[in-house]
């Protein structure tokens, strides 16, 4: 392996070593992540989706981001070493690409965390929402009608009663409370 580095400049050797070591650590992190061990650098499946919080899964100065940066930095230096005469430009370019690796990692993690959102239907979240009467709602809780209401982009057809006068189909109503999974509504 050392024969490979004979004849290389110190900068080129540094790029190679950084790229190889960072890639090996990245592969170990990837394997641990796929297998599901606790080597996740603070990224947990029960995360609540608040990426702006201090305790969120994306922290700028983390070991995982350091490895992502070094991998981008090292492989850019290796790939473009003979393309540029100005070594300072090459180091700056490698640093920019390393930062891009961190940003790309952030975007990927943000998209993955969207998959962990809890979008289960919770009838209690309907209080205060507007619904459309689908089947006539009889007056004074004398019978049940149906309303259509949207929650989290999903439409639901639910039983409803009113404590006031009859509400014909097509009218808009406001959900004021819920009793035994039946919506209590009033005409808007």
C-alpha atoms as a PDB file:
ATOM      1  CA  UNK A   1       0.000   0.000   0.000  1.00  0.00           C
ATOM      2  CA  UNK A   2       2.848   2.364   0.779  1.00  0.00           C
ATOM      3  CA  UNK A   3       4.197   1.864  -2.760  1.00  0.00           C
ATOM      4  CA  UNK A   4       1.034   3.532  -3.990  1.00  0.00           C
ATOM      5  CA  UNK A   5       2.012   6.789  -2.261  1.00  0.00           C
ATOM      6  CA  UNK A   6       5.596   6.930  -3.590  1.00  0.00           C
ATOM      7  CA  UNK A   7       6.014   9.921  -5.852  1.00  0.00           C
ATOM      8  CA  UNK A   8       2.914  11.732  -4.560  1.00  0.00           C
ATOM      9  CA  UNK A   9       3.136  15.178  -3.023  1.00  0.00           C
ATOM     10  CA  UNK A  10       2.299  15.616   0.641  1.00  0.00           C
ATOM     11  CA  UNK A  11      -1.025  17.297  -0.228  1.00  0.00           C
ATOM     12  CA  UNK A  12      -2.034  14.482  -2.569  1.00  0.00           C
ATOM     13  CA  UNK A  13      -1.153  11.886   0.084  1.00  0.00           C
ATOM     14  CA  UNK A  14      -3.179  13.844   2.648  1.00  0.00           C
ATOM     15  CA  UNK A  15      -6.212  13.863   0.337  1.00  0.00           C
ATOM     16  CA  UNK A  16      -5.906  10.103  -0.165  1.00  0.00           C
ATOM     17  CA  UNK A  17      -5.544   9.340   3.557  1.00  0.00           C
ATOM     18  CA  UNK A  18      -8.465  11.586   4.497  1.00  0.00           C
ATOM     19  CA  UNK A  19     -10.633  10.040   1.757  1.00  0.00           C
ATOM     20  CA  UNK A  20      -9.786   6.430   2.661  1.00  0.00           C
ATOM     21  CA  UNK A  21     -10.152   6.810   6.438  1.00  0.00           C
ATOM     22  CA  UNK A  22     -13.363   8.878   6.187  1.00  0.00           C
ATOM     23  CA  UNK A  23     -14.841   6.374   3.716  1.00  0.00           C
ATOM     24  CA  UNK A  24     -14.062   3.434   6.005  1.00  0.00           C
ATOM     25  CA  UNK A  25     -15.668   5.159   8.981  1.00  0.00           C
ATOM     26  CA  UNK A  26     -18.642   6.111   6.785  1.00  0.00           C
ATOM     27  CA  UNK A  27     -19.074   2.462   5.756  1.00  0.00           C
ATOM     28  CA  UNK A  28     -18.964   1.377   9.400  1.00  0.00           C
ATOM     29  CA  UNK A  29     -21.593   4.008  10.269  1.00  0.00           C
ATOM     30  CA  UNK A  30     -23.733   2.862   7.339  1.00  0.00           C
ATOM     31  CA  UNK A  31     -23.552  -0.783   8.393  1.00  0.00           C
ATOM     32  CA  UNK A  32     -24.433   0.109  11.995  1.00  0.00           C
ATOM     33  CA  UNK A  33     -27.344   2.232  10.794  1.00  0.00           C
ATOM     34  CA  UNK A  34     -28.703  -0.534   8.539  1.00  0.00           C
ATOM     35  CA  UNK A  35     -28.278  -3.198  11.223  1.00  0.00           C
ATOM     36  CA  UNK A  36     -29.967  -0.910  13.734  1.00  0.00           C
ATOM     37  CA  UNK A  37     -27.367  -0.596  16.449  1.00  0.00           C
ATOM     38  CA  UNK A  38     -27.156   2.470  18.666  1.00  0.00           C
ATOM     39  CA  UNK A  39     -24.350   4.149  16.685  1.00  0.00           C
ATOM     40  CA  UNK A  40     -26.658   6.810  15.242  1.00  0.00           C
ATOM     41  CA  UNK A  41     -25.130  10.042  16.536  1.00  0.00           C
ATOM     42  CA  UNK A  42     -28.358  11.213  18.152  1.00  0.00           C
ATOM     43  CA  UNK A  43     -30.761  10.206  15.377  1.00  0.00           C
ATOM     44  CA  UNK A  44     -33.721   8.312  16.800  1.00  0.00           C
ATOM     45  CA  UNK A  45     -36.910   7.015  15.205  1.00  0.00           C
ATOM     46  CA  UNK A  46     -39.102   8.608  17.883  1.00  0.00           C
ATOM     47  CA  UNK A  47     -38.042  12.108  16.838  1.00  0.00           C
ATOM     48  CA  UNK A  48     -40.952  14.597  16.842  1.00  0.00           C
ATOM     49  CA  UNK A  49     -40.084  16.357  13.560  1.00  0.00           C
ATOM     50  CA  UNK A  50     -38.805  19.645  15.043  1.00  0.00           C
ATOM     51  CA  UNK A  51     -35.591  20.122  13.084  1.00  0.00           C
ATOM     52  CA  UNK A  52     -35.029  23.597  14.523  1.00  0.00           C
ATOM     53  CA  UNK A  53     -34.754  22.388  18.095  1.00  0.00           C
ATOM     54  CA  UNK A  54     -31.339  22.277  19.752  1.00  0.00           C
ATOM     55  CA  UNK A  55     -31.840  18.585  20.531  1.00  0.00           C
ATOM     56  CA  UNK A  56     -32.891  17.745  16.933  1.00  0.00           C
ATOM     57  CA  UNK A  57     -31.177  14.989  14.966  1.00  0.00           C
ATOM     58  CA  UNK A  58     -29.211  17.382  12.786  1.00  0.00           C
ATOM     59  CA  UNK A  59     -26.430  19.028  14.722  1.00  0.00           C
ATOM     60  CA  UNK A  60     -23.865  20.946  12.720  1.00  0.00           C
ATOM     61  CA  UNK A  61     -20.933  19.755  14.808  1.00  0.00           C
ATOM     62  CA  UNK A  62     -21.387  16.012  15.074  1.00  0.00           C
ATOM     63  CA  UNK A  63     -19.142  13.066  14.351  1.00  0.00           C
ATOM     64  CA  UNK A  64     -21.356  11.966  11.446  1.00  0.00           C
ATOM     65  CA  UNK A  65     -21.158  15.411   9.828  1.00  0.00           C
ATOM     66  CA  UNK A  66     -17.400  15.509  10.356  1.00  0.00           C
ATOM     67  CA  UNK A  67     -17.092  12.203   8.483  1.00  0.00           C
ATOM     68  CA  UNK A  68     -19.403  13.443   5.701  1.00  0.00           C
ATOM     69  CA  UNK A  69     -17.333  16.611   5.356  1.00  0.00           C
ATOM     70  CA  UNK A  70     -14.002  14.760   5.358  1.00  0.00           C
ATOM     71  CA  UNK A  71     -15.243  12.221   2.814  1.00  0.00           C
ATOM     72  CA  UNK A  72     -16.348  14.989   0.424  1.00  0.00           C
ATOM     73  CA  UNK A  73     -13.160  16.942   1.092  1.00  0.00           C
ATOM     74  CA  UNK A  74     -10.836  13.971   0.582  1.00  0.00           C
ATOM     75  CA  UNK A  75     -12.413  12.513  -2.553  1.00  0.00           C
ATOM     76  CA  UNK A  76     -12.701  15.941  -4.197  1.00  0.00           C
ATOM     77  CA  UNK A  77      -9.009  16.530  -3.544  1.00  0.00           C
ATOM     78  CA  UNK A  78      -8.147  13.103  -4.975  1.00  0.00           C
ATOM     79  CA  UNK A  79     -10.368  13.525  -8.034  1.00  0.00           C
ATOM     80  CA  UNK A  80      -9.277  17.037  -8.991  1.00  0.00           C
ATOM     81  CA  UNK A  81      -5.641  17.040  -7.843  1.00  0.00           C
ATOM     82  CA  UNK A  82      -4.221  16.983 -11.368  1.00  0.00           C
ATOM     83  CA  UNK A  83      -6.920  19.309 -12.760  1.00  0.00           C
ATOM     84  CA  UNK A  84      -5.774  22.462 -10.948  1.00  0.00           C
ATOM     85  CA  UNK A  85      -2.293  23.939 -10.642  1.00  0.00           C
ATOM     86  CA  UNK A  86      -3.286  26.216  -7.758  1.00  0.00           C
ATOM     87  CA  UNK A  87      -3.293  24.014  -4.654  1.00  0.00           C
ATOM     88  CA  UNK A  88      -5.025  26.667  -2.509  1.00  0.00           C
ATOM     89  CA  UNK A  89      -7.939  26.692  -4.983  1.00  0.00           C
ATOM     90  CA  UNK A  90      -8.097  22.894  -4.796  1.00  0.00           C
ATOM     91  CA  UNK A  91      -8.243  22.951  -0.976  1.00  0.00           C
ATOM     92  CA  UNK A  92     -11.007  25.596  -1.064  1.00  0.00           C
ATOM     93  CA  UNK A  93     -12.944  23.593  -3.680  1.00  0.00           C
ATOM     94  CA  UNK A  94     -12.570  20.424  -1.589  1.00  0.00           C
ATOM     95  CA  UNK A  95     -13.820  22.293   1.504  1.00  0.00           C
ATOM     96  CA  UNK A  96     -16.852  23.593  -0.415  1.00  0.00           C
ATOM     97  CA  UNK A  97     -17.692  20.088  -1.644  1.00  0.00           C
ATOM     98  CA  UNK A  98     -17.250  18.774   1.912  1.00  0.00           C
ATOM     99  CA  UNK A  99     -19.785  21.349   3.102  1.00  0.00           C
ATOM    100  CA  UNK A 100     -22.123  20.279   0.281  1.00  0.00           C
ATOM    101  CA  UNK A 101     -21.880  16.685   1.527  1.00  0.00           C
ATOM    102  CA  UNK A 102     -23.089  17.871   4.952  1.00  0.00           C
ATOM    103  CA  UNK A 103     -25.980  19.815   3.360  1.00  0.00           C
ATOM    104  CA  UNK A 104     -26.972  16.821   1.204  1.00  0.00           C
ATOM    105  CA  UNK A 105     -26.923  14.604   4.297  1.00  0.00           C
ATOM    106  CA  UNK A 106     -29.192  17.111   6.067  1.00  0.00           C
ATOM    107  CA  UNK A 107     -31.683  17.096   3.171  1.00  0.00           C
ATOM    108  CA  UNK A 108     -31.741  13.285   3.027  1.00  0.00           C
ATOM    109  CA  UNK A 109     -32.268  12.981   6.798  1.00  0.00           C
ATOM    110  CA  UNK A 110     -35.016  15.622   6.706  1.00  0.00           C
ATOM    111  CA  UNK A 111     -36.859  13.625   4.010  1.00  0.00           C
ATOM    112  CA  UNK A 112     -36.425  10.368   5.918  1.00  0.00           C
ATOM    113  CA  UNK A 113     -37.788  11.945   9.107  1.00  0.00           C
ATOM    114  CA  UNK A 114     -40.939  12.973   7.257  1.00  0.00           C
ATOM    115  CA  UNK A 115     -41.713   9.260   7.008  1.00  0.00           C
ATOM    116  CA  UNK A 116     -41.883   9.032  10.812  1.00  0.00           C
ATOM    117  CA  UNK A 117     -44.756  11.530  11.179  1.00  0.00           C
ATOM    118  CA  UNK A 118     -47.803  10.229  13.023  1.00  0.00           C
ATOM    119  CA  UNK A 119     -50.784  10.868  10.754  1.00  0.00           C
ATOM    120  CA  UNK A 120     -53.223   8.534  12.476  1.00  0.00           C
ATOM    121  CA  UNK A 121     -56.779   9.824  12.721  1.00  0.00           C
ATOM    122  CA  UNK A 122     -57.566  11.413  16.085  1.00  0.00           C
ATOM    123  CA  UNK A 123     -61.215  12.472  16.349  1.00  0.00           C
ATOM    124  CA  UNK A 124     -60.400  14.970  19.122  1.00  0.00           C
ATOM    125  CA  UNK A 125     -58.446  17.091  16.627  1.00  0.00           C
ATOM    126  CA  UNK A 126     -61.729  17.877  14.829  1.00  0.00           C
ATOM    127  CA  UNK A 127     -63.063  20.229  17.514  1.00  0.00           C
ATOM    128  CA  UNK A 128     -63.352  23.721  16.030  1.00  0.00           C
ATOM    129  CA  UNK A 129     -63.059  22.466  12.440  1.00  0.00           C
ATOM    130  CA  UNK A 130     -65.569  23.180   9.687  1.00  0.00           C
ATOM    131  CA  UNK A 131     -67.418  20.295   8.045  1.00  0.00           C
ATOM    132  CA  UNK A 132     -70.004  19.896   5.288  1.00  0.00           C
ATOM    133  CA  UNK A 133     -73.306  18.157   6.000  1.00  0.00           C
ATOM    134  CA  UNK A 134     -73.512  15.019   3.864  1.00  0.00           C
ATOM    135  CA  UNK A 135     -76.780  13.559   5.227  1.00  0.00           C
ATOM    136  CA  UNK A 136     -79.384  15.838   6.842  1.00  0.00           C
ATOM    137  CA  UNK A 137     -78.911  16.306  10.581  1.00  0.00           C
ATOM    138  CA  UNK A 138     -82.262  16.175  12.481  1.00  0.00           C
ATOM    139  CA  UNK A 139     -83.074  18.893  15.049  1.00  0.00           C
ATOM    140  CA  UNK A 140     -82.606  18.670  18.838  1.00  0.00           C
ATOM    141  CA  UNK A 141     -80.495  15.475  18.799  1.00  0.00           C
ATOM    142  CA  UNK A 142     -83.564  13.556  17.570  1.00  0.00           C
ATOM    143  CA  UNK A 143     -81.466  11.620  15.071  1.00  0.00           C
ATOM    144  CA  UNK A 144     -78.054  11.364  13.479  1.00  0.00           C
ATOM    145  CA  UNK A 145     -76.819  12.782  10.215  1.00  0.00           C
ATOM    146  CA  UNK A 146     -73.420  12.636   8.577  1.00  0.00           C
ATOM    147  CA  UNK A 147     -70.762  15.226   7.864  1.00  0.00           C
ATOM    148  CA  UNK A 148     -67.634  15.211   5.737  1.00  0.00           C
ATOM    149  CA  UNK A 149     -64.554  16.754   7.278  1.00  0.00           C
ATOM    150  CA  UNK A 150     -60.906  16.933   6.226  1.00  0.00           C
ATOM    151  CA  UNK A 151     -58.052  16.333   8.650  1.00  0.00           C
ATOM    152  CA  UNK A 152     -54.374  16.106   7.643  1.00  0.00           C
ATOM    153  CA  UNK A 153     -55.363  15.976   3.967  1.00  0.00           C
ATOM    154  CA  UNK A 154     -57.692  13.005   4.480  1.00  0.00           C
ATOM    155  CA  UNK A 155     -61.494  13.200   4.168  1.00  0.00           C
ATOM    156  CA  UNK A 156     -63.667  11.510   6.792  1.00  0.00           C
ATOM    157  CA  UNK A 157     -67.406  10.843   6.878  1.00  0.00           C
ATOM    158  CA  UNK A 158     -68.649  10.840  10.475  1.00  0.00           C
ATOM    159  CA  UNK A 159     -71.925  10.734  12.414  1.00  0.00           C
ATOM    160  CA  UNK A 160     -73.136  14.091  13.717  1.00  0.00           C
ATOM    161  CA  UNK A 161     -76.004  15.560  15.750  1.00  0.00           C
ATOM    162  CA  UNK A 162     -77.101  19.102  16.513  1.00  0.00           C
ATOM    163  CA  UNK A 163     -78.748  20.648  19.562  1.00  0.00           C
ATOM    164  CA  UNK A 164     -80.530  23.309  17.477  1.00  0.00           C
ATOM    165  CA  UNK A 165     -82.740  23.242  14.366  1.00  0.00           C
ATOM    166  CA  UNK A 166     -82.389  20.744  11.519  1.00  0.00           C
ATOM    167  CA  UNK A 167     -79.399  21.236   9.214  1.00  0.00           C
ATOM    168  CA  UNK A 168     -79.962  20.250   5.556  1.00  0.00           C
ATOM    169  CA  UNK A 169     -77.376  18.578   3.311  1.00  0.00           C
ATOM    170  CA  UNK A 170     -74.754  20.850   1.777  1.00  0.00           C
ATOM    171  CA  UNK A 171     -74.599  23.328   4.676  1.00  0.00           C
ATOM    172  CA  UNK A 172     -71.377  24.089   6.508  1.00  0.00           C
ATOM    173  CA  UNK A 173     -71.204  23.365  10.222  1.00  0.00           C
ATOM    174  CA  UNK A 174     -68.700  23.887  13.010  1.00  0.00           C
ATOM    175  CA  UNK A 175     -67.742  20.962  15.239  1.00  0.00           C
ATOM    176  CA  UNK A 176     -68.192  22.147  18.840  1.00  0.00           C
ATOM    177  CA  UNK A 177     -67.538  18.949  20.796  1.00  0.00           C
ATOM    178  CA  UNK A 178     -67.502  15.174  20.621  1.00  0.00           C
ATOM    179  CA  UNK A 179     -69.620  12.768  22.671  1.00  0.00           C
ATOM    180  CA  UNK A 180     -69.039   9.032  22.366  1.00  0.00           C
ATOM    181  CA  UNK A 181     -67.422   9.444  18.933  1.00  0.00           C
ATOM    182  CA  UNK A 182     -70.406  11.413  17.598  1.00  0.00           C
ATOM    183  CA  UNK A 183     -69.760  14.995  16.512  1.00  0.00           C
ATOM    184  CA  UNK A 184     -71.892  17.734  18.048  1.00  0.00           C
ATOM    185  CA  UNK A 185     -72.178  20.467  15.413  1.00  0.00           C
ATOM    186  CA  UNK A 186     -73.785  23.856  14.960  1.00  0.00           C
ATOM    187  CA  UNK A 187     -74.726  25.661  11.767  1.00  0.00           C
ATOM    188  CA  UNK A 188     -72.341  28.376  10.620  1.00  0.00           C
END
